[in-house]
Amino acid sequence: MQKIVLLVLTDNWADWEAAYAVAGINEEPDYTVKTIAVDLLPKISIGGLRTEIDYCIADFQDFGNVELVILPGGYSWLENRYDEIADFIKRAVGSGAHVAAMCGATLFLAKHGFLNEIKHTGDEQEYFQEKLKDEKCYEGKQRFVSAQLVNDGGFITANETAAVEFATEIFRQLGIAPDDEIDLWYGKFKNGMFQKMRNEEGHGLPS
């Protein structure tokens, strides 16, 4: 039986943030990515992609094969509290699933107290703290790390520029390839396919 990765979608979701991760996971025969949302209406991404929804959060009960829940960023995280998604995340974590969130979705996790006891990151610290200044449930200010990505306590958090790092850490978390293969993938997609060649020819950055 395939293991499941759930992709939580909202209106105006950031399609590019999870693209590398979703594509890589779906290439592995042991995994399948399914979409889930607060309802079954198609969700339109910031890039205008219309995405069908596989599961409604209120009806989802079978966490037995769920390995990971991915929450890409998007405009809706700042406009809504999404208490029903928070309850769903609690159930997923309680079943042993990991959670990976990026950009605005990290603010959502913070609002609901998921990041209080673990190291985490998001977009710029000043921005992060400003958006959460009135949120009584967020008590993790001292645990914020200014980094592209942090993996701690079952939660992967990343800022809006870390799509490659986000995918890389998800691949490691799921164990879908040996570390050396993941390292090669990261180097190519982070630095460019011909970066090494340019440097060897003397056309790279000044030494």
N, C-alpha and C. Protein backbone atom coordinates (compact mmCIF):
# COMPACT_ATOMS: atom_id res chain seq x y z
N MET A 1 0.83 -1.20 0.00
CA MET A 1 0.00 0.00 0.00
C MET A 1 0.87 1.26 0.00
N GLN A 2 0.52 2.21 -0.84
CA GLN A 2 1.30 3.44 -0.91
C GLN A 2 1.16 4.29 0.35
N LYS A 3 2.24 4.94 0.71
CA LYS A 3 2.20 5.91 1.79
C LYS A 3 1.70 7.24 1.22
N ILE A 4 1.01 8.00 2.05
CA ILE A 4 0.34 9.21 1.58
C ILE A 4 1.03 10.46 2.11
N VAL A 5 1.20 11.43 1.23
CA VAL A 5 1.59 12.79 1.60
C VAL A 5 0.41 13.69 1.26
N LEU A 6 -0.09 14.41 2.24
CA LEU A 6 -1.24 15.29 2.04
C LEU A 6 -0.78 16.72 1.80
N LEU A 7 -1.28 17.32 0.73
CA LEU A 7 -0.97 18.70 0.37
C LEU A 7 -2.18 19.55 0.71
N VAL A 8 -2.06 20.38 1.74
CA VAL A 8 -3.17 21.22 2.20
C VAL A 8 -3.25 22.47 1.32
N LEU A 9 -4.38 22.66 0.65
CA LEU A 9 -4.53 23.79 -0.25
C LEU A 9 -5.58 24.78 0.25
N THR A 10 -5.28 26.04 0.04
CA THR A 10 -6.20 27.13 0.35
C THR A 10 -6.36 27.96 -0.91
N ASP A 11 -7.30 28.88 -0.91
CA ASP A 11 -7.40 29.80 -2.03
C ASP A 11 -6.13 30.64 -2.10
N ASN A 12 -5.69 30.95 -3.32
CA ASN A 12 -4.48 31.74 -3.53
C ASN A 12 -3.25 31.10 -2.89
N TRP A 13 -3.12 29.78 -3.07
CA TRP A 13 -1.95 29.09 -2.51
C TRP A 13 -0.74 29.31 -3.42
N ALA A 14 0.44 29.27 -2.82
CA ALA A 14 1.69 29.53 -3.54
C ALA A 14 2.15 28.26 -4.24
N ASP A 15 1.79 28.12 -5.51
CA ASP A 15 2.02 26.87 -6.23
C ASP A 15 3.49 26.50 -6.37
N TRP A 16 4.37 27.49 -6.49
CA TRP A 16 5.80 27.20 -6.70
C TRP A 16 6.49 26.68 -5.44
N GLU A 17 5.95 26.96 -4.27
CA GLU A 17 6.66 26.64 -3.04
C GLU A 17 6.76 25.13 -2.78
N ALA A 18 5.76 24.39 -3.18
CA ALA A 18 5.78 22.94 -2.95
C ALA A 18 6.03 22.16 -4.24
N ALA A 19 6.27 22.85 -5.34
CA ALA A 19 6.34 22.18 -6.64
C ALA A 19 7.46 21.15 -6.71
N TYR A 20 8.68 21.53 -6.30
CA TYR A 20 9.80 20.60 -6.33
C TYR A 20 9.50 19.36 -5.49
N ALA A 21 8.98 19.60 -4.29
CA ALA A 21 8.72 18.50 -3.36
C ALA A 21 7.67 17.55 -3.90
N VAL A 22 6.56 18.10 -4.37
CA VAL A 22 5.46 17.27 -4.86
C VAL A 22 5.90 16.44 -6.07
N ALA A 23 6.62 17.08 -7.00
CA ALA A 23 7.07 16.36 -8.19
C ALA A 23 8.01 15.21 -7.82
N GLY A 24 8.93 15.47 -6.91
CA GLY A 24 9.87 14.44 -6.49
C GLY A 24 9.20 13.28 -5.78
N ILE A 25 8.25 13.60 -4.91
CA ILE A 25 7.54 12.55 -4.17
C ILE A 25 6.73 11.67 -5.11
N ASN A 26 6.05 12.30 -6.06
CA ASN A 26 5.18 11.54 -6.95
C ASN A 26 5.94 10.64 -7.93
N GLU A 27 7.24 10.84 -8.04
CA GLU A 27 8.05 9.95 -8.87
C GLU A 27 8.38 8.64 -8.16
N GLU A 28 8.16 8.61 -6.87
CA GLU A 28 8.48 7.42 -6.08
C GLU A 28 7.26 6.51 -5.99
N PRO A 29 7.39 5.26 -6.39
CA PRO A 29 6.23 4.35 -6.40
C PRO A 29 5.65 4.06 -5.02
N ASP A 30 6.44 4.26 -3.98
CA ASP A 30 5.95 3.97 -2.63
C ASP A 30 5.10 5.09 -2.05
N TYR A 31 5.06 6.24 -2.73
CA TYR A 31 4.35 7.41 -2.21
C TYR A 31 3.33 7.93 -3.21
N THR A 32 2.31 8.56 -2.70
CA THR A 32 1.37 9.30 -3.53
C THR A 32 1.01 10.60 -2.82
N VAL A 33 0.85 11.67 -3.57
CA VAL A 33 0.45 12.96 -3.02
C VAL A 33 -1.03 13.17 -3.29
N LYS A 34 -1.77 13.51 -2.26
CA LYS A 34 -3.19 13.79 -2.37
C LYS A 34 -3.48 15.19 -1.83
N THR A 35 -4.42 15.87 -2.46
CA THR A 35 -4.78 17.21 -2.00
C THR A 35 -5.91 17.13 -0.98
N ILE A 36 -5.90 18.09 -0.05
CA ILE A 36 -6.93 18.14 0.98
C ILE A 36 -7.19 19.61 1.31
N ALA A 37 -8.44 19.93 1.62
CA ALA A 37 -8.81 21.32 1.90
C ALA A 37 -10.04 21.36 2.80
N VAL A 38 -10.48 22.54 3.15
CA VAL A 38 -11.63 22.69 4.05
C VAL A 38 -12.93 22.32 3.35
N ASP A 39 -12.91 22.25 2.02
CA ASP A 39 -14.06 21.80 1.25
C ASP A 39 -13.55 21.16 -0.05
N LEU A 40 -14.45 20.69 -0.87
CA LEU A 40 -14.05 20.00 -2.10
C LEU A 40 -14.05 20.90 -3.33
N LEU A 41 -14.22 22.20 -3.14
CA LEU A 41 -14.17 23.12 -4.26
C LEU A 41 -12.74 23.24 -4.77
N PRO A 42 -12.53 23.28 -6.09
CA PRO A 42 -11.17 23.45 -6.62
C PRO A 42 -10.53 24.71 -6.06
N LYS A 43 -9.23 24.66 -5.82
CA LYS A 43 -8.50 25.81 -5.29
C LYS A 43 -7.64 26.42 -6.38
N ILE A 44 -7.71 27.74 -6.50
CA ILE A 44 -6.96 28.47 -7.52
C ILE A 44 -5.69 29.02 -6.88
N SER A 45 -4.55 28.69 -7.46
CA SER A 45 -3.27 29.15 -6.91
C SER A 45 -2.98 30.59 -7.31
N ILE A 46 -1.94 31.16 -6.72
CA ILE A 46 -1.51 32.51 -7.08
C ILE A 46 -1.16 32.57 -8.57
N GLY A 47 -0.63 31.48 -9.10
CA GLY A 47 -0.28 31.41 -10.51
C GLY A 47 -1.44 31.10 -11.42
N GLY A 48 -2.65 30.99 -10.85
CA GLY A 48 -3.83 30.74 -11.66
C GLY A 48 -4.12 29.29 -11.96
N LEU A 49 -3.42 28.36 -11.30
CA LEU A 49 -3.67 26.93 -11.52
C LEU A 49 -4.91 26.48 -10.74
N ARG A 50 -5.79 25.80 -11.41
CA ARG A 50 -7.01 25.27 -10.79
C ARG A 50 -6.75 23.83 -10.38
N THR A 51 -6.79 23.57 -9.09
CA THR A 51 -6.42 22.25 -8.58
C THR A 51 -7.61 21.57 -7.92
N GLU A 52 -7.89 20.35 -8.35
CA GLU A 52 -8.97 19.58 -7.76
C GLU A 52 -8.57 19.08 -6.36
N ILE A 53 -9.55 18.89 -5.52
CA ILE A 53 -9.31 18.46 -4.14
C ILE A 53 -9.75 17.00 -3.96
N ASP A 54 -8.86 16.19 -3.41
CA ASP A 54 -9.15 14.78 -3.20
C ASP A 54 -9.96 14.52 -1.94
N TYR A 55 -9.64 15.23 -0.87
CA TYR A 55 -10.28 14.98 0.42
C TYR A 55 -10.74 16.27 1.07
N CYS A 56 -11.86 16.19 1.77
CA CYS A 56 -12.32 17.28 2.63
C CYS A 56 -11.81 17.01 4.05
N ILE A 57 -11.24 18.02 4.67
CA ILE A 57 -10.64 17.87 5.99
C ILE A 57 -11.63 17.31 7.02
N ALA A 58 -12.87 17.79 6.98
CA ALA A 58 -13.85 17.36 7.98
C ALA A 58 -14.15 15.87 7.89
N ASP A 59 -13.98 15.29 6.71
CA ASP A 59 -14.32 13.89 6.50
C ASP A 59 -13.12 12.95 6.60
N PHE A 60 -11.92 13.49 6.68
CA PHE A 60 -10.73 12.64 6.62
C PHE A 60 -10.45 12.02 7.98
N GLN A 61 -10.36 10.70 8.01
CA GLN A 61 -10.13 9.99 9.27
C GLN A 61 -8.96 9.02 9.21
N ASP A 62 -8.60 8.55 8.03
CA ASP A 62 -7.62 7.47 7.90
C ASP A 62 -6.19 8.01 7.84
N PHE A 63 -5.58 8.17 9.01
CA PHE A 63 -4.22 8.68 9.08
C PHE A 63 -3.17 7.57 9.09
N GLY A 64 -3.60 6.34 8.97
CA GLY A 64 -2.69 5.22 9.11
C GLY A 64 -1.51 5.24 8.16
N ASN A 65 -1.72 5.69 6.92
CA ASN A 65 -0.65 5.71 5.93
C ASN A 65 -0.12 7.11 5.64
N VAL A 66 -0.56 8.09 6.41
CA VAL A 66 -0.12 9.47 6.18
C VAL A 66 1.25 9.69 6.80
N GLU A 67 2.24 9.97 5.98
CA GLU A 67 3.61 10.19 6.44
C GLU A 67 3.90 11.67 6.69
N LEU A 68 3.30 12.53 5.87
CA LEU A 68 3.66 13.95 5.91
C LEU A 68 2.48 14.79 5.44
N VAL A 69 2.35 15.96 6.06
CA VAL A 69 1.38 16.96 5.63
C VAL A 69 2.15 18.20 5.19
N ILE A 70 1.93 18.65 3.96
CA ILE A 70 2.62 19.83 3.44
C ILE A 70 1.65 21.00 3.38
N LEU A 71 2.10 22.14 3.92
CA LEU A 71 1.31 23.37 3.87
C LEU A 71 2.11 24.44 3.12
N PRO A 72 1.85 24.62 1.82
CA PRO A 72 2.52 25.70 1.10
C PRO A 72 1.97 27.05 1.55
N GLY A 73 2.73 28.10 1.31
CA GLY A 73 2.28 29.42 1.68
C GLY A 73 1.16 29.90 0.77
N GLY A 74 0.79 31.17 0.95
CA GLY A 74 -0.28 31.75 0.15
C GLY A 74 -0.93 32.89 0.91
N TYR A 75 -1.71 33.67 0.19
CA TYR A 75 -2.32 34.87 0.79
C TYR A 75 -3.36 34.55 1.85
N SER A 76 -4.02 33.41 1.73
CA SER A 76 -5.15 33.11 2.62
C SER A 76 -4.75 32.88 4.08
N TRP A 77 -3.51 32.50 4.32
CA TRP A 77 -3.10 32.24 5.70
C TRP A 77 -3.18 33.48 6.57
N LEU A 78 -2.98 34.66 5.97
CA LEU A 78 -3.06 35.90 6.73
C LEU A 78 -4.50 36.40 6.87
N GLU A 79 -5.37 35.91 6.00
CA GLU A 79 -6.75 36.40 5.97
C GLU A 79 -7.70 35.53 6.78
N ASN A 80 -7.27 34.35 7.16
CA ASN A 80 -8.15 33.39 7.86
C ASN A 80 -7.40 32.70 8.99
N ARG A 81 -8.14 32.29 10.01
CA ARG A 81 -7.52 31.53 11.10
C ARG A 81 -7.49 30.04 10.79
N TYR A 82 -8.43 29.57 10.03
CA TYR A 82 -8.49 28.15 9.64
C TYR A 82 -8.41 27.22 10.85
N ASP A 83 -9.33 27.41 11.78
CA ASP A 83 -9.35 26.55 12.97
C ASP A 83 -9.55 25.08 12.60
N GLU A 84 -10.30 24.81 11.53
CA GLU A 84 -10.54 23.43 11.13
C GLU A 84 -9.26 22.78 10.61
N ILE A 85 -8.40 23.58 9.97
CA ILE A 85 -7.11 23.03 9.53
C ILE A 85 -6.21 22.79 10.74
N ALA A 86 -6.27 23.67 11.73
CA ALA A 86 -5.48 23.48 12.95
C ALA A 86 -5.88 22.18 13.65
N ASP A 87 -7.18 21.91 13.73
CA ASP A 87 -7.64 20.67 14.35
C ASP A 87 -7.15 19.46 13.56
N PHE A 88 -7.16 19.60 12.23
CA PHE A 88 -6.68 18.52 11.37
C PHE A 88 -5.19 18.26 11.60
N ILE A 89 -4.40 19.33 11.72
CA ILE A 89 -2.96 19.18 11.97
C ILE A 89 -2.72 18.49 13.32
N LYS A 90 -3.51 18.84 14.31
CA LYS A 90 -3.38 18.18 15.62
C LYS A 90 -3.61 16.68 15.50
N ARG A 91 -4.61 16.31 14.73
CA ARG A 91 -4.90 14.89 14.54
C ARG A 91 -3.79 14.19 13.76
N ALA A 92 -3.28 14.88 12.75
CA ALA A 92 -2.20 14.30 11.94
C ALA A 92 -0.95 14.08 12.79
N VAL A 93 -0.58 15.09 13.56
CA VAL A 93 0.60 14.98 14.42
C VAL A 93 0.39 13.89 15.47
N GLY A 94 -0.81 13.82 16.01
CA GLY A 94 -1.11 12.79 17.00
C GLY A 94 -1.01 11.39 16.45
N SER A 95 -1.18 11.25 15.14
CA SER A 95 -1.08 9.94 14.50
C SER A 95 0.34 9.59 14.11
N GLY A 96 1.28 10.56 14.30
CA GLY A 96 2.67 10.30 13.98
C GLY A 96 3.17 10.93 12.69
N ALA A 97 2.33 11.68 11.99
CA ALA A 97 2.74 12.33 10.75
C ALA A 97 3.60 13.55 11.04
N HIS A 98 4.53 13.83 10.12
CA HIS A 98 5.30 15.06 10.19
C HIS A 98 4.58 16.16 9.41
N VAL A 99 4.98 17.39 9.66
CA VAL A 99 4.36 18.54 9.01
C VAL A 99 5.45 19.41 8.40
N ALA A 100 5.24 19.87 7.18
CA ALA A 100 6.18 20.76 6.51
C ALA A 100 5.42 22.00 6.04
N ALA A 101 5.85 23.17 6.50
CA ALA A 101 5.14 24.42 6.19
C ALA A 101 6.11 25.48 5.71
N MET A 102 5.63 26.34 4.84
CA MET A 102 6.48 27.35 4.23
C MET A 102 5.78 28.71 4.24
N CYS A 103 6.56 29.76 4.39
CA CYS A 103 6.08 31.13 4.23
C CYS A 103 4.86 31.40 5.13
N GLY A 104 3.74 31.83 4.57
CA GLY A 104 2.57 32.18 5.36
C GLY A 104 2.02 31.05 6.19
N ALA A 105 2.24 29.81 5.77
CA ALA A 105 1.76 28.67 6.54
C ALA A 105 2.49 28.53 7.87
N THR A 106 3.71 29.06 7.96
CA THR A 106 4.42 29.02 9.25
C THR A 106 3.74 29.96 10.25
N LEU A 107 3.20 31.08 9.76
CA LEU A 107 2.45 31.99 10.62
C LEU A 107 1.19 31.30 11.15
N PHE A 108 0.55 30.53 10.29
CA PHE A 108 -0.63 29.77 10.71
C PHE A 108 -0.28 28.81 11.84
N LEU A 109 0.81 28.07 11.68
CA LEU A 109 1.23 27.14 12.73
C LEU A 109 1.52 27.87 14.03
N ALA A 110 2.19 29.02 13.91
CA ALA A 110 2.52 29.80 15.11
C ALA A 110 1.26 30.31 15.81
N LYS A 111 0.29 30.78 15.05
CA LYS A 111 -0.96 31.30 15.62
C LYS A 111 -1.66 30.26 16.48
N HIS A 112 -1.51 29.00 16.10
CA HIS A 112 -2.21 27.93 16.81
C HIS A 112 -1.32 27.18 17.80
N GLY A 113 -0.16 27.74 18.10
CA GLY A 113 0.68 27.21 19.16
C GLY A 113 1.54 26.02 18.81
N PHE A 114 1.60 25.63 17.54
CA PHE A 114 2.38 24.45 17.17
C PHE A 114 3.89 24.67 17.29
N LEU A 115 4.33 25.93 17.23
CA LEU A 115 5.76 26.21 17.21
C LEU A 115 6.31 26.71 18.54
N ASN A 116 5.52 26.65 19.59
CA ASN A 116 5.93 27.22 20.87
C ASN A 116 7.14 26.52 21.49
N GLU A 117 7.24 25.23 21.32
CA GLU A 117 8.27 24.45 22.01
C GLU A 117 9.37 23.95 21.09
N ILE A 118 9.38 24.36 19.85
CA ILE A 118 10.39 23.86 18.91
C ILE A 118 11.07 25.01 18.18
N LYS A 119 12.28 24.75 17.69
CA LYS A 119 12.95 25.72 16.84
C LYS A 119 12.21 25.79 15.52
N HIS A 120 12.10 27.00 14.96
CA HIS A 120 11.35 27.17 13.73
C HIS A 120 11.81 28.43 13.01
N THR A 121 11.39 28.54 11.78
CA THR A 121 11.70 29.74 11.00
C THR A 121 10.47 30.14 10.19
N GLY A 122 10.64 31.20 9.42
CA GLY A 122 9.59 31.73 8.55
C GLY A 122 10.23 32.84 7.74
N ASP A 123 9.44 33.78 7.28
CA ASP A 123 10.04 34.91 6.59
C ASP A 123 10.74 35.81 7.61
N GLU A 124 11.28 36.93 7.22
CA GLU A 124 12.12 37.75 8.10
C GLU A 124 11.57 37.83 9.52
N GLN A 125 12.45 37.76 10.50
CA GLN A 125 12.03 37.69 11.90
C GLN A 125 11.16 38.88 12.29
N GLU A 126 11.53 40.07 11.84
CA GLU A 126 10.75 41.26 12.19
C GLU A 126 9.33 41.15 11.64
N TYR A 127 9.22 40.68 10.40
CA TYR A 127 7.90 40.49 9.78
C TYR A 127 7.11 39.43 10.53
N PHE A 128 7.78 38.35 10.85
CA PHE A 128 7.15 37.24 11.57
C PHE A 128 6.58 37.71 12.90
N GLN A 129 7.39 38.43 13.67
CA GLN A 129 6.96 38.88 14.98
C GLN A 129 5.86 39.94 14.88
N GLU A 130 5.95 40.80 13.87
CA GLU A 130 4.93 41.83 13.69
C GLU A 130 3.56 41.21 13.42
N LYS A 131 3.53 40.21 12.55
CA LYS A 131 2.27 39.58 12.21
C LYS A 131 1.67 38.79 13.38
N LEU A 132 2.51 38.43 14.35
CA LEU A 132 2.05 37.61 15.47
C LEU A 132 1.97 38.37 16.79
N LYS A 133 2.16 39.67 16.74
CA LYS A 133 2.26 40.45 17.99
C LYS A 133 1.00 40.39 18.84
N ASP A 134 -0.16 40.16 18.22
CA ASP A 134 -1.41 40.10 18.98
C ASP A 134 -1.91 38.66 19.19
N GLU A 135 -1.07 37.71 18.84
CA GLU A 135 -1.47 36.30 18.95
C GLU A 135 -1.01 35.73 20.29
N LYS A 136 -1.93 35.56 21.21
CA LYS A 136 -1.59 35.07 22.55
C LYS A 136 -1.10 33.62 22.55
N CYS A 137 -1.50 32.86 21.55
CA CYS A 137 -1.11 31.45 21.50
C CYS A 137 0.35 31.25 21.08
N TYR A 138 0.96 32.30 20.50
CA TYR A 138 2.35 32.15 20.06
C TYR A 138 3.29 32.55 21.19
N GLU A 139 4.01 31.57 21.72
CA GLU A 139 4.96 31.79 22.81
C GLU A 139 6.36 31.34 22.43
N GLY A 140 6.61 31.22 21.13
CA GLY A 140 7.88 30.67 20.67
C GLY A 140 8.85 31.69 20.11
N LYS A 141 8.67 32.96 20.47
CA LYS A 141 9.51 34.01 19.90
C LYS A 141 11.00 33.73 20.03
N GLN A 142 11.42 33.23 21.19
CA GLN A 142 12.84 32.99 21.43
C GLN A 142 13.37 31.78 20.67
N ARG A 143 12.48 31.02 20.07
CA ARG A 143 12.91 29.82 19.34
C ARG A 143 12.94 30.04 17.82
N PHE A 144 12.67 31.28 17.40
CA PHE A 144 12.75 31.59 15.97
C PHE A 144 14.21 31.60 15.53
N VAL A 145 14.49 30.96 14.39
CA VAL A 145 15.84 30.88 13.84
C VAL A 145 15.84 31.55 12.47
N SER A 146 16.74 32.49 12.26
CA SER A 146 16.86 33.14 10.95
C SER A 146 17.63 32.22 10.01
N ALA A 147 16.90 31.36 9.32
CA ALA A 147 17.51 30.35 8.46
C ALA A 147 16.58 30.05 7.30
N GLN A 148 17.13 29.44 6.27
CA GLN A 148 16.30 29.05 5.14
C GLN A 148 15.27 28.00 5.57
N LEU A 149 15.71 27.10 6.46
CA LEU A 149 14.84 25.99 6.85
C LEU A 149 15.26 25.46 8.21
N VAL A 150 14.28 25.01 8.97
CA VAL A 150 14.54 24.38 10.26
C VAL A 150 13.68 23.11 10.34
N ASN A 151 14.28 22.03 10.81
CA ASN A 151 13.55 20.78 11.03
C ASN A 151 13.70 20.42 12.50
N ASP A 152 12.61 20.50 13.25
CA ASP A 152 12.68 20.23 14.68
C ASP A 152 11.31 19.76 15.18
N GLY A 153 11.33 18.78 16.04
CA GLY A 153 10.11 18.34 16.71
C GLY A 153 9.01 17.87 15.79
N GLY A 154 9.37 17.31 14.65
CA GLY A 154 8.36 16.82 13.73
C GLY A 154 7.82 17.85 12.76
N PHE A 155 8.36 19.08 12.84
CA PHE A 155 7.90 20.16 11.96
C PHE A 155 9.07 20.70 11.13
N ILE A 156 8.87 20.76 9.82
CA ILE A 156 9.79 21.43 8.92
C ILE A 156 9.19 22.80 8.61
N THR A 157 9.96 23.87 8.86
CA THR A 157 9.49 25.21 8.53
C THR A 157 10.52 25.88 7.63
N ALA A 158 10.04 26.71 6.70
CA ALA A 158 10.94 27.34 5.74
C ALA A 158 10.41 28.71 5.35
N ASN A 159 11.33 29.56 4.86
CA ASN A 159 10.89 30.88 4.40
C ASN A 159 10.54 30.83 2.92
N GLU A 160 10.04 31.94 2.40
CA GLU A 160 9.46 31.96 1.06
C GLU A 160 10.48 31.76 -0.06
N THR A 161 11.78 31.88 0.22
CA THR A 161 12.80 31.71 -0.82
C THR A 161 13.44 30.32 -0.79
N ALA A 162 12.89 29.42 -0.01
CA ALA A 162 13.57 28.14 0.26
C ALA A 162 12.90 26.93 -0.38
N ALA A 163 12.35 27.09 -1.58
CA ALA A 163 11.65 25.96 -2.20
C ALA A 163 12.57 24.76 -2.42
N VAL A 164 13.82 25.00 -2.80
CA VAL A 164 14.76 23.90 -3.03
C VAL A 164 15.14 23.24 -1.72
N GLU A 165 15.45 24.04 -0.71
CA GLU A 165 15.78 23.49 0.61
C GLU A 165 14.58 22.72 1.19
N PHE A 166 13.41 23.27 0.99
CA PHE A 166 12.17 22.65 1.47
C PHE A 166 12.01 21.25 0.89
N ALA A 167 12.14 21.14 -0.43
CA ALA A 167 12.03 19.84 -1.08
C ALA A 167 13.12 18.89 -0.61
N THR A 168 14.35 19.40 -0.51
CA THR A 168 15.47 18.56 -0.10
C THR A 168 15.23 17.94 1.27
N GLU A 169 14.76 18.76 2.21
CA GLU A 169 14.53 18.25 3.56
C GLU A 169 13.36 17.28 3.60
N ILE A 170 12.36 17.52 2.80
CA ILE A 170 11.24 16.59 2.70
C ILE A 170 11.70 15.25 2.13
N PHE A 171 12.54 15.30 1.10
CA PHE A 171 13.07 14.05 0.54
C PHE A 171 13.84 13.27 1.61
N ARG A 172 14.63 13.98 2.40
CA ARG A 172 15.39 13.30 3.47
C ARG A 172 14.43 12.73 4.52
N GLN A 173 13.43 13.52 4.89
CA GLN A 173 12.49 13.08 5.91
C GLN A 173 11.77 11.81 5.49
N LEU A 174 11.41 11.74 4.23
CA LEU A 174 10.68 10.58 3.71
C LEU A 174 11.60 9.43 3.31
N GLY A 175 12.90 9.73 3.20
CA GLY A 175 13.86 8.70 2.82
C GLY A 175 13.64 8.16 1.43
N ILE A 176 13.29 9.04 0.50
CA ILE A 176 12.96 8.56 -0.84
C ILE A 176 14.19 8.35 -1.73
N ALA A 177 15.38 8.74 -1.24
CA ALA A 177 16.61 8.50 -1.99
C ALA A 177 17.78 8.54 -1.01
N PRO A 178 18.92 7.94 -1.36
CA PRO A 178 20.10 8.03 -0.51
C PRO A 178 20.56 9.48 -0.38
N ASP A 179 21.24 9.77 0.72
CA ASP A 179 21.66 11.15 0.98
C ASP A 179 22.54 11.72 -0.12
N ASP A 180 23.42 10.89 -0.69
CA ASP A 180 24.31 11.42 -1.73
C ASP A 180 23.53 11.82 -2.98
N GLU A 181 22.49 11.08 -3.32
CA GLU A 181 21.65 11.46 -4.46
C GLU A 181 20.88 12.74 -4.17
N ILE A 182 20.39 12.88 -2.95
CA ILE A 182 19.68 14.09 -2.58
C ILE A 182 20.62 15.29 -2.60
N ASP A 183 21.85 15.10 -2.15
CA ASP A 183 22.84 16.17 -2.19
C ASP A 183 23.10 16.63 -3.63
N LEU A 184 23.21 15.67 -4.56
CA LEU A 184 23.43 16.00 -5.96
C LEU A 184 22.24 16.77 -6.52
N TRP A 185 21.04 16.32 -6.18
CA TRP A 185 19.83 17.02 -6.63
C TRP A 185 19.82 18.45 -6.12
N TYR A 186 20.12 18.61 -4.83
CA TYR A 186 20.13 19.95 -4.23
C TYR A 186 21.14 20.85 -4.94
N GLY A 187 22.35 20.35 -5.16
CA GLY A 187 23.37 21.17 -5.80
C GLY A 187 22.97 21.63 -7.19
N LYS A 188 22.33 20.75 -7.95
CA LYS A 188 21.94 21.10 -9.31
C LYS A 188 20.84 22.15 -9.34
N PHE A 189 19.81 21.95 -8.51
CA PHE A 189 18.67 22.85 -8.56
C PHE A 189 18.89 24.14 -7.76
N LYS A 190 19.83 24.12 -6.83
CA LYS A 190 20.15 25.35 -6.09
C LYS A 190 21.15 26.21 -6.84
N ASN A 191 22.16 25.58 -7.44
CA ASN A 191 23.27 26.33 -8.04
C ASN A 191 23.24 26.38 -9.55
N GLY A 192 22.45 25.53 -10.17
CA GLY A 192 22.39 25.50 -11.62
C GLY A 192 23.15 24.33 -12.20
N MET A 193 22.67 23.79 -13.28
CA MET A 193 23.28 22.61 -13.88
C MET A 193 24.71 22.85 -14.35
N PHE A 194 25.01 24.07 -14.82
CA PHE A 194 26.31 24.34 -15.41
C PHE A 194 27.20 25.20 -14.51
N GLN A 195 26.85 25.30 -13.22
CA GLN A 195 27.63 26.14 -12.31
C GLN A 195 29.08 25.67 -12.22
N LYS A 196 29.26 24.34 -12.08
CA LYS A 196 30.62 23.80 -11.95
C LYS A 196 31.41 24.07 -13.22
N MET A 197 30.80 23.89 -14.37
CA MET A 197 31.48 24.12 -15.63
C MET A 197 31.90 25.58 -15.77
N ARG A 198 31.04 26.50 -15.40
CA ARG A 198 31.36 27.92 -15.51
C ARG A 198 32.55 28.28 -14.63
N ASN A 199 32.57 27.73 -13.42
CA ASN A 199 33.66 28.01 -12.49
C ASN A 199 34.98 27.46 -13.04
N GLU A 200 34.94 26.25 -13.60
CA GLU A 200 36.15 25.66 -14.12
C GLU A 200 36.68 26.43 -15.34
N GLU A 201 35.79 27.05 -16.09
CA GLU A 201 36.19 27.82 -17.27
C GLU A 201 36.58 29.26 -16.92
N GLY A 202 36.43 29.61 -15.67
CA GLY A 202 36.79 30.97 -15.26
C GLY A 202 35.70 31.99 -15.48
N HIS A 203 34.45 31.51 -15.66
CA HIS A 203 33.35 32.43 -15.91
C HIS A 203 32.39 32.52 -14.73
N GLY A 204 32.80 31.99 -13.61
CA GLY A 204 31.96 32.04 -12.44
C GLY A 204 32.24 33.29 -11.62
N LEU A 205 31.96 33.20 -10.32
CA LEU A 205 32.21 34.34 -9.44
C LEU A 205 33.70 34.60 -9.31
N PRO A 206 34.12 35.84 -9.10
CA PRO A 206 35.55 36.13 -8.90
C PRO A 206 36.10 35.37 -7.69
N SER A 207 37.34 34.91 -7.81
CA SER A 207 37.93 34.17 -6.69
C SER A 207 38.54 35.15 -5.70
